[in-house]
Amino acid sequence: MDQEQLVENKQKTLKNEAWEWIKALLIAAALVFLIRWLIFAPFIVEGPSMEPNFYTGERLIVNKVLYSFRKPQRGEVIVFHATKEKDYIKRVIALPGETIRVDGDKVYVNNQLLDEPYLKEALDKAKKEGRPYNVRNFAEKTVPEGTIFVMGDNRSNSADSRDIGFIKYEQVVGRADLIFWPFNKIGLVHFK
């Protein structure tokens, strides 16, 4: 094999390698796009409405596909379109057909006191300080079909279903499944 053929073979090999890299990068980009837009999405917590469980600046992974297979369940933390420009993060409190009533620190679903272990520490602290945790009530109403009732964990400082009304299933983006920032809080989101 002469020198010219060696150079030509080397060029073909380099072209083939370059083409393989381009294909691999295009496939990776397509997968990232599909995963990012169809299955999971990042969400940044803004504001105090979900304290003490979520704080401003925390970053979450939202599962966008789960509710294609089933409806949101009580206790789950969801992200939904509150307005055309703004998404909110709140906790599902009541489901379609259930009655909901908020009386101070007590939340009643179908006239049964709701057990909220995710607020136990905050409720105990407020009680110890001699103050209510929640100062915003909600008169009893029935959750319409196709909607859910949501509340922020920071009950006195949350724009939620008490203000903006019931949330339609179509407004729900997905369930918050994982905290990935800051590093010291990395972990799964607990619902119960």
N, C-alpha and C. Protein backbone atom coordinates (compact mmCIF):
# COMPACT_ATOMS: atom_id res chain seq x y z
N MET A 1 0.86 -1.17 0.00
CA MET A 1 0.00 0.00 0.00
C MET A 1 0.91 1.23 0.00
N ASP A 2 0.60 2.12 -0.92
CA ASP A 2 1.45 3.31 -1.00
C ASP A 2 0.98 4.40 -0.03
N GLN A 3 1.77 5.43 0.07
CA GLN A 3 1.53 6.53 1.01
C GLN A 3 0.19 7.22 0.76
N GLU A 4 -0.15 7.39 -0.49
CA GLU A 4 -1.41 8.07 -0.86
C GLU A 4 -2.64 7.29 -0.37
N GLN A 5 -2.61 5.98 -0.51
CA GLN A 5 -3.71 5.15 -0.05
C GLN A 5 -3.82 5.17 1.48
N LEU A 6 -2.70 5.18 2.18
CA LEU A 6 -2.71 5.25 3.64
C LEU A 6 -3.37 6.55 4.11
N VAL A 7 -3.02 7.66 3.46
CA VAL A 7 -3.61 8.95 3.81
C VAL A 7 -5.11 8.93 3.53
N GLU A 8 -5.49 8.37 2.38
CA GLU A 8 -6.90 8.30 2.00
C GLU A 8 -7.69 7.43 2.99
N ASN A 9 -7.15 6.29 3.39
CA ASN A 9 -7.81 5.41 4.36
C ASN A 9 -7.95 6.09 5.72
N LYS A 10 -6.90 6.83 6.12
CA LYS A 10 -6.95 7.54 7.40
C LYS A 10 -8.02 8.61 7.37
N GLN A 11 -8.16 9.31 6.25
CA GLN A 11 -9.19 10.35 6.12
C GLN A 11 -10.59 9.72 6.19
N LYS A 12 -10.79 8.59 5.53
CA LYS A 12 -12.08 7.90 5.58
C LYS A 12 -12.40 7.48 7.02
N THR A 13 -11.42 6.95 7.71
CA THR A 13 -11.61 6.52 9.09
C THR A 13 -12.00 7.70 9.97
N LEU A 14 -11.30 8.84 9.79
CA LEU A 14 -11.62 10.04 10.56
C LEU A 14 -13.02 10.54 10.25
N LYS A 15 -13.41 10.51 8.98
CA LYS A 15 -14.77 10.93 8.59
C LYS A 15 -15.81 10.01 9.22
N ASN A 16 -15.55 8.69 9.19
CA ASN A 16 -16.49 7.74 9.80
C ASN A 16 -16.60 7.96 11.30
N GLU A 17 -15.46 8.19 11.97
CA GLU A 17 -15.48 8.46 13.41
C GLU A 17 -16.24 9.74 13.71
N ALA A 18 -16.01 10.77 12.93
CA ALA A 18 -16.70 12.05 13.14
C ALA A 18 -18.21 11.85 12.95
N TRP A 19 -18.58 11.11 11.91
CA TRP A 19 -20.00 10.87 11.67
C TRP A 19 -20.61 10.08 12.82
N GLU A 20 -19.93 9.08 13.36
CA GLU A 20 -20.42 8.30 14.50
C GLU A 20 -20.60 9.19 15.73
N TRP A 21 -19.66 10.11 15.97
CA TRP A 21 -19.79 11.05 17.10
C TRP A 21 -20.99 11.97 16.91
N ILE A 22 -21.17 12.47 15.69
CA ILE A 22 -22.30 13.35 15.41
C ILE A 22 -23.61 12.61 15.65
N LYS A 23 -23.71 11.37 15.16
CA LYS A 23 -24.93 10.58 15.38
C LYS A 23 -25.18 10.36 16.87
N ALA A 24 -24.14 10.01 17.62
CA ALA A 24 -24.28 9.76 19.05
C ALA A 24 -24.75 11.02 19.78
N LEU A 25 -24.18 12.16 19.41
CA LEU A 25 -24.58 13.42 20.04
C LEU A 25 -26.01 13.80 19.68
N LEU A 26 -26.42 13.57 18.44
CA LEU A 26 -27.80 13.86 18.04
C LEU A 26 -28.80 12.97 18.78
N ILE A 27 -28.46 11.69 18.93
CA ILE A 27 -29.33 10.77 19.67
C ILE A 27 -29.41 11.20 21.12
N ALA A 28 -28.28 11.56 21.72
CA ALA A 28 -28.27 12.01 23.12
C ALA A 28 -29.11 13.27 23.28
N ALA A 29 -28.98 14.20 22.36
CA ALA A 29 -29.76 15.44 22.43
C ALA A 29 -31.26 15.14 22.31
N ALA A 30 -31.61 14.24 21.41
CA ALA A 30 -33.02 13.87 21.24
C ALA A 30 -33.57 13.22 22.51
N LEU A 31 -32.78 12.35 23.14
CA LEU A 31 -33.22 11.72 24.39
C LEU A 31 -33.38 12.74 25.51
N VAL A 32 -32.43 13.66 25.62
CA VAL A 32 -32.55 14.71 26.64
C VAL A 32 -33.81 15.52 26.39
N PHE A 33 -34.07 15.88 25.15
CA PHE A 33 -35.26 16.65 24.81
C PHE A 33 -36.53 15.89 25.19
N LEU A 34 -36.60 14.61 24.82
CA LEU A 34 -37.79 13.81 25.13
C LEU A 34 -37.99 13.66 26.64
N ILE A 35 -36.92 13.34 27.34
CA ILE A 35 -37.02 13.17 28.79
C ILE A 35 -37.40 14.49 29.45
N ARG A 36 -36.74 15.56 29.04
CA ARG A 36 -36.98 16.87 29.65
C ARG A 36 -38.39 17.40 29.39
N TRP A 37 -38.89 17.26 28.21
CA TRP A 37 -40.18 17.86 27.86
C TRP A 37 -41.37 16.93 28.04
N LEU A 38 -41.15 15.63 27.99
CA LEU A 38 -42.28 14.71 28.06
C LEU A 38 -42.39 13.94 29.37
N ILE A 39 -41.28 13.71 30.06
CA ILE A 39 -41.31 12.83 31.22
C ILE A 39 -41.01 13.57 32.52
N PHE A 40 -39.90 14.28 32.59
CA PHE A 40 -39.49 14.98 33.80
C PHE A 40 -39.19 16.44 33.48
N ALA A 41 -39.38 17.29 34.48
CA ALA A 41 -39.06 18.71 34.31
C ALA A 41 -38.48 19.25 35.61
N PRO A 42 -37.52 20.15 35.51
CA PRO A 42 -37.02 20.78 36.73
C PRO A 42 -37.98 21.88 37.18
N PHE A 43 -38.02 22.16 38.47
CA PHE A 43 -38.86 23.22 39.02
C PHE A 43 -38.10 23.87 40.15
N ILE A 44 -38.12 25.21 40.20
CA ILE A 44 -37.45 25.95 41.27
C ILE A 44 -38.52 26.52 42.20
N VAL A 45 -38.40 26.22 43.48
CA VAL A 45 -39.34 26.72 44.48
C VAL A 45 -39.12 28.22 44.65
N GLU A 46 -40.21 28.97 44.60
CA GLU A 46 -40.16 30.42 44.82
C GLU A 46 -41.17 30.80 45.89
N GLY A 47 -40.72 31.50 46.90
CA GLY A 47 -41.61 31.98 47.93
C GLY A 47 -41.74 31.03 49.11
N PRO A 48 -42.39 31.51 50.18
CA PRO A 48 -42.45 30.76 51.43
C PRO A 48 -43.67 29.83 51.57
N SER A 49 -44.49 29.68 50.55
CA SER A 49 -45.77 28.99 50.72
C SER A 49 -45.66 27.51 51.09
N MET A 50 -44.53 26.87 50.84
CA MET A 50 -44.40 25.44 51.17
C MET A 50 -43.46 25.18 52.34
N GLU A 51 -43.02 26.25 53.01
CA GLU A 51 -42.19 26.04 54.21
C GLU A 51 -43.05 25.39 55.28
N PRO A 52 -42.53 24.55 56.10
CA PRO A 52 -41.13 24.24 56.36
C PRO A 52 -40.59 23.05 55.57
N ASN A 53 -41.32 22.59 54.57
CA ASN A 53 -40.88 21.41 53.82
C ASN A 53 -40.08 21.74 52.57
N PHE A 54 -40.34 22.88 51.96
CA PHE A 54 -39.62 23.32 50.76
C PHE A 54 -39.33 24.81 50.89
N TYR A 55 -38.13 25.20 50.50
CA TYR A 55 -37.71 26.60 50.65
C TYR A 55 -37.34 27.21 49.30
N THR A 56 -37.43 28.53 49.23
CA THR A 56 -37.05 29.27 48.02
C THR A 56 -35.67 28.85 47.56
N GLY A 57 -35.55 28.62 46.27
CA GLY A 57 -34.28 28.25 45.67
C GLY A 57 -34.05 26.76 45.55
N GLU A 58 -34.82 25.96 46.26
CA GLU A 58 -34.66 24.51 46.12
C GLU A 58 -35.12 24.10 44.72
N ARG A 59 -34.43 23.11 44.19
CA ARG A 59 -34.75 22.63 42.85
C ARG A 59 -35.27 21.21 42.94
N LEU A 60 -36.37 20.98 42.21
CA LEU A 60 -37.06 19.70 42.25
C LEU A 60 -37.17 19.10 40.86
N ILE A 61 -37.32 17.79 40.82
CA ILE A 61 -37.66 17.10 39.57
C ILE A 61 -39.14 16.77 39.65
N VAL A 62 -39.87 17.17 38.63
CA VAL A 62 -41.32 16.95 38.56
C VAL A 62 -41.59 15.84 37.55
N ASN A 63 -42.32 14.83 38.00
CA ASN A 63 -42.71 13.70 37.16
C ASN A 63 -43.95 14.10 36.36
N LYS A 64 -43.78 14.32 35.06
CA LYS A 64 -44.86 14.81 34.21
C LYS A 64 -45.73 13.69 33.65
N VAL A 65 -45.29 12.45 33.78
CA VAL A 65 -45.97 11.34 33.13
C VAL A 65 -46.93 10.59 34.06
N LEU A 66 -46.68 10.63 35.35
CA LEU A 66 -47.44 9.85 36.32
C LEU A 66 -48.95 10.04 36.19
N TYR A 67 -49.38 11.29 36.06
CA TYR A 67 -50.81 11.56 36.05
C TYR A 67 -51.47 11.28 34.70
N SER A 68 -50.71 10.76 33.77
CA SER A 68 -51.30 10.23 32.54
C SER A 68 -51.92 8.87 32.82
N PHE A 69 -51.44 8.22 33.91
CA PHE A 69 -51.88 6.87 34.26
C PHE A 69 -52.84 6.84 35.44
N ARG A 70 -52.76 7.86 36.30
CA ARG A 70 -53.66 7.92 37.46
C ARG A 70 -53.82 9.37 37.90
N LYS A 71 -54.80 9.61 38.73
CA LYS A 71 -55.10 10.96 39.22
C LYS A 71 -54.23 11.28 40.45
N PRO A 72 -54.05 12.57 40.74
CA PRO A 72 -53.32 12.96 41.95
C PRO A 72 -54.00 12.41 43.20
N GLN A 73 -53.20 12.12 44.21
CA GLN A 73 -53.71 11.57 45.46
C GLN A 73 -53.41 12.51 46.61
N ARG A 74 -54.22 12.41 47.64
CA ARG A 74 -54.07 13.26 48.82
C ARG A 74 -52.65 13.14 49.39
N GLY A 75 -52.08 14.28 49.76
CA GLY A 75 -50.75 14.32 50.36
C GLY A 75 -49.64 14.52 49.36
N GLU A 76 -49.89 14.26 48.08
CA GLU A 76 -48.85 14.44 47.07
C GLU A 76 -48.58 15.93 46.85
N VAL A 77 -47.33 16.24 46.56
CA VAL A 77 -46.92 17.61 46.26
C VAL A 77 -46.90 17.73 44.74
N ILE A 78 -47.68 18.70 44.24
CA ILE A 78 -47.81 18.85 42.79
C ILE A 78 -47.37 20.23 42.35
N VAL A 79 -47.04 20.33 41.07
CA VAL A 79 -46.80 21.60 40.41
C VAL A 79 -47.93 21.77 39.40
N PHE A 80 -48.50 22.97 39.36
CA PHE A 80 -49.61 23.22 38.43
C PHE A 80 -49.52 24.63 37.87
N HIS A 81 -50.20 24.84 36.74
CA HIS A 81 -50.27 26.16 36.11
C HIS A 81 -51.31 26.98 36.86
N ALA A 82 -50.83 27.95 37.66
CA ALA A 82 -51.74 28.83 38.39
C ALA A 82 -52.24 29.94 37.47
N THR A 83 -51.35 30.44 36.61
CA THR A 83 -51.69 31.44 35.59
C THR A 83 -50.94 31.03 34.32
N LYS A 84 -51.11 31.80 33.27
CA LYS A 84 -50.38 31.50 32.03
C LYS A 84 -48.87 31.66 32.21
N GLU A 85 -48.48 32.56 33.12
CA GLU A 85 -47.07 32.86 33.32
C GLU A 85 -46.45 32.16 34.52
N LYS A 86 -47.25 31.62 35.44
CA LYS A 86 -46.74 31.18 36.73
C LYS A 86 -47.21 29.77 37.10
N ASP A 87 -46.26 28.95 37.53
CA ASP A 87 -46.58 27.64 38.08
C ASP A 87 -46.43 27.70 39.59
N TYR A 88 -47.30 26.99 40.31
CA TYR A 88 -47.26 26.92 41.77
C TYR A 88 -46.95 25.50 42.19
N ILE A 89 -46.42 25.38 43.40
CA ILE A 89 -46.21 24.08 44.03
C ILE A 89 -47.06 24.07 45.30
N LYS A 90 -47.89 23.04 45.44
CA LYS A 90 -48.79 22.92 46.60
C LYS A 90 -49.01 21.44 46.90
N ARG A 91 -49.71 21.19 47.99
CA ARG A 91 -50.00 19.82 48.40
C ARG A 91 -51.48 19.52 48.15
N VAL A 92 -51.77 18.32 47.63
CA VAL A 92 -53.15 17.89 47.40
C VAL A 92 -53.78 17.56 48.75
N ILE A 93 -54.92 18.22 49.03
CA ILE A 93 -55.60 18.04 50.32
C ILE A 93 -56.92 17.29 50.16
N ALA A 94 -57.69 17.63 49.14
CA ALA A 94 -58.99 16.97 48.94
C ALA A 94 -59.20 16.66 47.46
N LEU A 95 -59.96 15.59 47.23
CA LEU A 95 -60.19 15.05 45.89
C LEU A 95 -61.63 15.29 45.44
N PRO A 96 -61.93 15.06 44.17
CA PRO A 96 -63.29 15.30 43.67
C PRO A 96 -64.36 14.58 44.49
N GLY A 97 -65.44 15.31 44.78
CA GLY A 97 -66.56 14.75 45.52
C GLY A 97 -66.41 14.82 47.03
N GLU A 98 -65.23 15.16 47.53
CA GLU A 98 -65.02 15.26 48.97
C GLU A 98 -65.37 16.66 49.46
N THR A 99 -65.77 16.74 50.72
CA THR A 99 -65.99 18.06 51.33
C THR A 99 -64.72 18.46 52.06
N ILE A 100 -64.41 19.74 52.00
CA ILE A 100 -63.20 20.28 52.63
C ILE A 100 -63.59 21.46 53.50
N ARG A 101 -62.97 21.52 54.68
CA ARG A 101 -63.18 22.65 55.59
C ARG A 101 -61.90 22.87 56.36
N VAL A 102 -61.51 24.14 56.49
CA VAL A 102 -60.32 24.49 57.26
C VAL A 102 -60.76 25.37 58.41
N ASP A 103 -60.45 24.91 59.62
CA ASP A 103 -60.82 25.64 60.83
C ASP A 103 -59.56 25.79 61.69
N GLY A 104 -58.87 26.91 61.51
CA GLY A 104 -57.60 27.11 62.21
C GLY A 104 -56.58 26.08 61.78
N ASP A 105 -55.96 25.42 62.75
CA ASP A 105 -54.94 24.41 62.44
C ASP A 105 -55.53 23.07 62.03
N LYS A 106 -56.84 22.95 62.06
CA LYS A 106 -57.49 21.68 61.74
C LYS A 106 -58.08 21.72 60.32
N VAL A 107 -57.80 20.66 59.57
CA VAL A 107 -58.33 20.51 58.22
C VAL A 107 -59.22 19.27 58.24
N TYR A 108 -60.45 19.44 57.74
CA TYR A 108 -61.40 18.33 57.72
C TYR A 108 -61.73 17.96 56.28
N VAL A 109 -61.63 16.67 55.99
CA VAL A 109 -62.05 16.13 54.70
C VAL A 109 -63.17 15.15 55.00
N ASN A 110 -64.34 15.41 54.43
CA ASN A 110 -65.53 14.60 54.71
C ASN A 110 -65.80 14.52 56.22
N ASN A 111 -65.65 15.66 56.88
CA ASN A 111 -65.87 15.80 58.33
C ASN A 111 -64.93 14.97 59.19
N GLN A 112 -63.87 14.46 58.62
CA GLN A 112 -62.84 13.72 59.36
C GLN A 112 -61.58 14.59 59.43
N LEU A 113 -61.00 14.71 60.62
CA LEU A 113 -59.78 15.47 60.80
C LEU A 113 -58.67 14.83 59.98
N LEU A 114 -58.02 15.63 59.15
CA LEU A 114 -56.95 15.13 58.28
C LEU A 114 -55.65 15.01 59.07
N ASP A 115 -55.04 13.85 59.02
CA ASP A 115 -53.73 13.63 59.65
C ASP A 115 -52.67 14.16 58.69
N GLU A 116 -51.86 15.12 59.16
CA GLU A 116 -50.84 15.74 58.31
C GLU A 116 -49.46 15.64 58.97
N PRO A 117 -48.83 14.46 58.89
CA PRO A 117 -47.54 14.27 59.55
C PRO A 117 -46.45 15.21 59.02
N TYR A 118 -46.57 15.68 57.79
CA TYR A 118 -45.59 16.59 57.19
C TYR A 118 -45.62 17.97 57.86
N LEU A 119 -46.64 18.26 58.69
CA LEU A 119 -46.74 19.53 59.40
C LEU A 119 -46.59 19.38 60.91
N LYS A 120 -46.36 18.17 61.38
CA LYS A 120 -46.35 17.92 62.83
C LYS A 120 -45.39 18.85 63.57
N GLU A 121 -44.15 18.94 63.13
CA GLU A 121 -43.17 19.79 63.81
C GLU A 121 -43.61 21.25 63.84
N ALA A 122 -44.09 21.76 62.71
CA ALA A 122 -44.52 23.16 62.63
C ALA A 122 -45.72 23.41 63.53
N LEU A 123 -46.67 22.49 63.54
CA LEU A 123 -47.85 22.63 64.41
C LEU A 123 -47.46 22.58 65.89
N ASP A 124 -46.56 21.65 66.24
CA ASP A 124 -46.10 21.54 67.62
C ASP A 124 -45.36 22.79 68.06
N LYS A 125 -44.53 23.33 67.18
CA LYS A 125 -43.76 24.54 67.51
C LYS A 125 -44.70 25.73 67.75
N ALA A 126 -45.69 25.90 66.88
CA ALA A 126 -46.65 27.00 67.02
C ALA A 126 -47.43 26.84 68.33
N LYS A 127 -47.84 25.62 68.61
CA LYS A 127 -48.60 25.36 69.85
C LYS A 127 -47.76 25.70 71.08
N LYS A 128 -46.49 25.31 71.04
CA LYS A 128 -45.57 25.58 72.14
C LYS A 128 -45.39 27.08 72.36
N GLU A 129 -45.42 27.83 71.24
CA GLU A 129 -45.28 29.29 71.30
C GLU A 129 -46.60 29.98 71.63
N GLY A 130 -47.66 29.19 71.77
CA GLY A 130 -48.96 29.74 72.14
C GLY A 130 -49.67 30.49 71.03
N ARG A 131 -49.43 30.08 69.79
CA ARG A 131 -50.07 30.74 68.65
C ARG A 131 -50.58 29.69 67.67
N PRO A 132 -51.58 30.05 66.87
CA PRO A 132 -52.03 29.10 65.85
C PRO A 132 -51.03 29.06 64.69
N TYR A 133 -50.90 27.92 64.06
CA TYR A 133 -50.04 27.81 62.88
C TYR A 133 -50.75 28.44 61.67
N ASN A 134 -52.05 28.21 61.58
CA ASN A 134 -52.84 28.72 60.46
C ASN A 134 -53.89 29.70 60.97
N VAL A 135 -53.94 30.87 60.37
CA VAL A 135 -54.95 31.87 60.76
C VAL A 135 -55.98 32.08 59.65
N ARG A 136 -55.91 31.25 58.60
CA ARG A 136 -56.82 31.41 57.47
C ARG A 136 -57.76 30.21 57.37
N ASN A 137 -59.04 30.46 57.53
CA ASN A 137 -60.04 29.39 57.48
C ASN A 137 -60.61 29.24 56.08
N PHE A 138 -61.42 28.20 55.91
CA PHE A 138 -62.10 27.96 54.64
C PHE A 138 -63.41 27.26 54.97
N ALA A 139 -64.51 27.90 54.59
CA ALA A 139 -65.84 27.33 54.85
C ALA A 139 -66.02 26.04 54.05
N GLU A 140 -66.82 25.14 54.57
CA GLU A 140 -67.01 23.84 53.94
C GLU A 140 -67.56 23.96 52.53
N LYS A 141 -66.89 23.25 51.61
CA LYS A 141 -67.32 23.17 50.22
C LYS A 141 -67.02 21.78 49.71
N THR A 142 -67.72 21.41 48.65
CA THR A 142 -67.47 20.12 48.01
C THR A 142 -66.58 20.35 46.79
N VAL A 143 -65.57 19.52 46.66
CA VAL A 143 -64.64 19.63 45.53
C VAL A 143 -65.36 19.14 44.28
N PRO A 144 -65.47 20.00 43.24
CA PRO A 144 -66.15 19.58 42.01
C PRO A 144 -65.40 18.45 41.28
N GLU A 145 -66.14 17.69 40.50
CA GLU A 145 -65.53 16.64 39.69
C GLU A 145 -64.48 17.26 38.76
N GLY A 146 -63.41 16.52 38.53
CA GLY A 146 -62.36 16.98 37.62
C GLY A 146 -61.42 18.01 38.23
N THR A 147 -61.55 18.24 39.56
CA THR A 147 -60.68 19.21 40.23
C THR A 147 -60.15 18.64 41.54
N ILE A 148 -59.18 19.34 42.10
CA ILE A 148 -58.63 19.00 43.41
C ILE A 148 -58.50 20.28 44.24
N PHE A 149 -58.42 20.11 45.54
CA PHE A 149 -58.21 21.23 46.46
C PHE A 149 -56.78 21.12 46.97
N VAL A 150 -56.00 22.21 46.82
CA VAL A 150 -54.59 22.19 47.22
C VAL A 150 -54.32 23.31 48.23
N MET A 151 -53.34 23.06 49.09
CA MET A 151 -52.90 24.07 50.05
C MET A 151 -51.38 24.04 50.16
N GLY A 152 -50.82 25.21 50.48
CA GLY A 152 -49.40 25.27 50.80
C GLY A 152 -49.19 24.77 52.22
N ASP A 153 -48.01 24.27 52.50
CA ASP A 153 -47.70 23.80 53.85
C ASP A 153 -47.60 24.97 54.83
N ASN A 154 -47.24 26.14 54.35
CA ASN A 154 -47.18 27.34 55.17
C ASN A 154 -48.57 27.98 55.13
N ARG A 155 -49.49 27.42 55.85
CA ARG A 155 -50.92 27.70 55.71
C ARG A 155 -51.30 29.18 55.82
N SER A 156 -50.64 29.95 56.65
CA SER A 156 -51.00 31.36 56.80
C SER A 156 -50.37 32.23 55.72
N ASN A 157 -49.46 31.68 54.94
CA ASN A 157 -48.74 32.47 53.94
C ASN A 157 -48.68 31.71 52.61
N SER A 158 -49.84 31.38 52.09
CA SER A 158 -49.90 30.60 50.85
C SER A 158 -51.12 31.00 50.03
N ALA A 159 -50.88 31.32 48.77
CA ALA A 159 -51.98 31.51 47.82
C ALA A 159 -52.30 30.12 47.28
N ASP A 160 -53.44 29.60 47.67
CA ASP A 160 -53.78 28.23 47.29
C ASP A 160 -55.27 28.15 46.96
N SER A 161 -55.86 26.98 47.03
CA SER A 161 -57.27 26.81 46.65
C SER A 161 -58.21 27.67 47.47
N ARG A 162 -57.79 28.11 48.64
CA ARG A 162 -58.62 29.01 49.43
C ARG A 162 -58.76 30.36 48.74
N ASP A 163 -57.78 30.71 47.89
CA ASP A 163 -57.78 31.99 47.17
C ASP A 163 -58.09 31.84 45.68
N ILE A 164 -57.42 30.87 45.05
CA ILE A 164 -57.50 30.75 43.59
C ILE A 164 -58.51 29.71 43.14
N GLY A 165 -59.13 29.02 44.09
CA GLY A 165 -60.16 28.05 43.74
C GLY A 165 -59.60 26.65 43.51
N PHE A 166 -60.50 25.79 43.10
CA PHE A 166 -60.15 24.40 42.85
C PHE A 166 -59.28 24.31 41.60
N ILE A 167 -58.38 23.34 41.58
CA ILE A 167 -57.42 23.17 40.48
C ILE A 167 -57.92 22.06 39.55
N LYS A 168 -58.07 22.39 38.28
CA LYS A 168 -58.50 21.40 37.29
C LYS A 168 -57.35 20.44 37.00
N TYR A 169 -57.71 19.19 36.70
CA TYR A 169 -56.68 18.21 36.36
C TYR A 169 -55.81 18.70 35.20
N GLU A 170 -56.39 19.41 34.25
CA GLU A 170 -55.63 19.89 33.09
C GLU A 170 -54.54 20.89 33.47
N GLN A 171 -54.69 21.53 34.62
CA GLN A 171 -53.70 22.51 35.08
C GLN A 171 -52.47 21.84 35.69
N VAL A 172 -52.59 20.59 36.10
CA VAL A 172 -51.51 19.91 36.81
C VAL A 172 -50.38 19.55 35.85
N VAL A 173 -49.17 19.98 36.19
CA VAL A 173 -47.97 19.67 35.41
C VAL A 173 -47.46 18.29 35.79
N GLY A 174 -47.39 18.02 37.10
CA GLY A 174 -46.91 16.73 37.56
C GLY A 174 -46.64 16.73 39.05
N ARG A 175 -46.10 15.60 39.51
CA ARG A 175 -45.82 15.42 40.93
C ARG A 175 -44.34 15.70 41.20
N ALA A 176 -44.06 16.45 42.25
CA ALA A 176 -42.68 16.68 42.68
C ALA A 176 -42.17 15.39 43.30
N ASP A 177 -41.13 14.82 42.71
CA ASP A 177 -40.63 13.52 43.16
C ASP A 177 -39.27 13.57 43.85
N LEU A 178 -38.42 14.55 43.48
CA LEU A 178 -37.04 14.53 43.95
C LEU A 178 -36.53 15.94 44.15
N ILE A 179 -35.85 16.17 45.28
CA ILE A 179 -35.12 17.42 45.50
C ILE A 179 -33.69 17.15 45.04
N PHE A 180 -33.17 17.97 44.10
CA PHE A 180 -31.80 17.75 43.65
C PHE A 180 -30.86 18.91 43.97
N TRP A 181 -31.40 19.98 44.58
CA TRP A 181 -30.55 21.10 44.99
C TRP A 181 -31.23 21.81 46.14
N PRO A 182 -30.52 22.17 47.14
CA PRO A 182 -29.08 22.05 47.39
C PRO A 182 -28.67 20.62 47.72
N PHE A 183 -27.39 20.36 47.61
CA PHE A 183 -26.87 19.00 47.78
C PHE A 183 -27.21 18.39 49.13
N ASN A 184 -27.24 19.20 50.19
CA ASN A 184 -27.51 18.65 51.52
C ASN A 184 -28.97 18.22 51.69
N LYS A 185 -29.84 18.53 50.72
CA LYS A 185 -31.25 18.13 50.81
C LYS A 185 -31.65 17.13 49.73
N ILE A 186 -30.68 16.63 48.98
CA ILE A 186 -30.99 15.67 47.90
C ILE A 186 -31.77 14.49 48.49
N GLY A 187 -32.89 14.18 47.85
CA GLY A 187 -33.67 13.04 48.30
C GLY A 187 -35.06 13.04 47.70
N LEU A 188 -35.77 11.96 47.95
CA LEU A 188 -37.14 11.81 47.45
C LEU A 188 -38.08 12.71 48.26
N VAL A 189 -39.13 13.18 47.61
CA VAL A 189 -40.16 13.96 48.28
C VAL A 189 -41.11 12.98 48.96
N HIS A 190 -41.34 13.18 50.27
CA HIS A 190 -42.23 12.28 51.03
C HIS A 190 -43.64 12.86 51.03
N PHE A 191 -44.62 11.99 50.88
CA PHE A 191 -46.00 12.44 50.73
C PHE A 191 -46.85 12.22 51.97
N LYS A 192 -46.54 11.29 52.76
CA LYS A 192 -47.40 10.98 53.92
C LYS A 192 -46.63 11.18 55.20
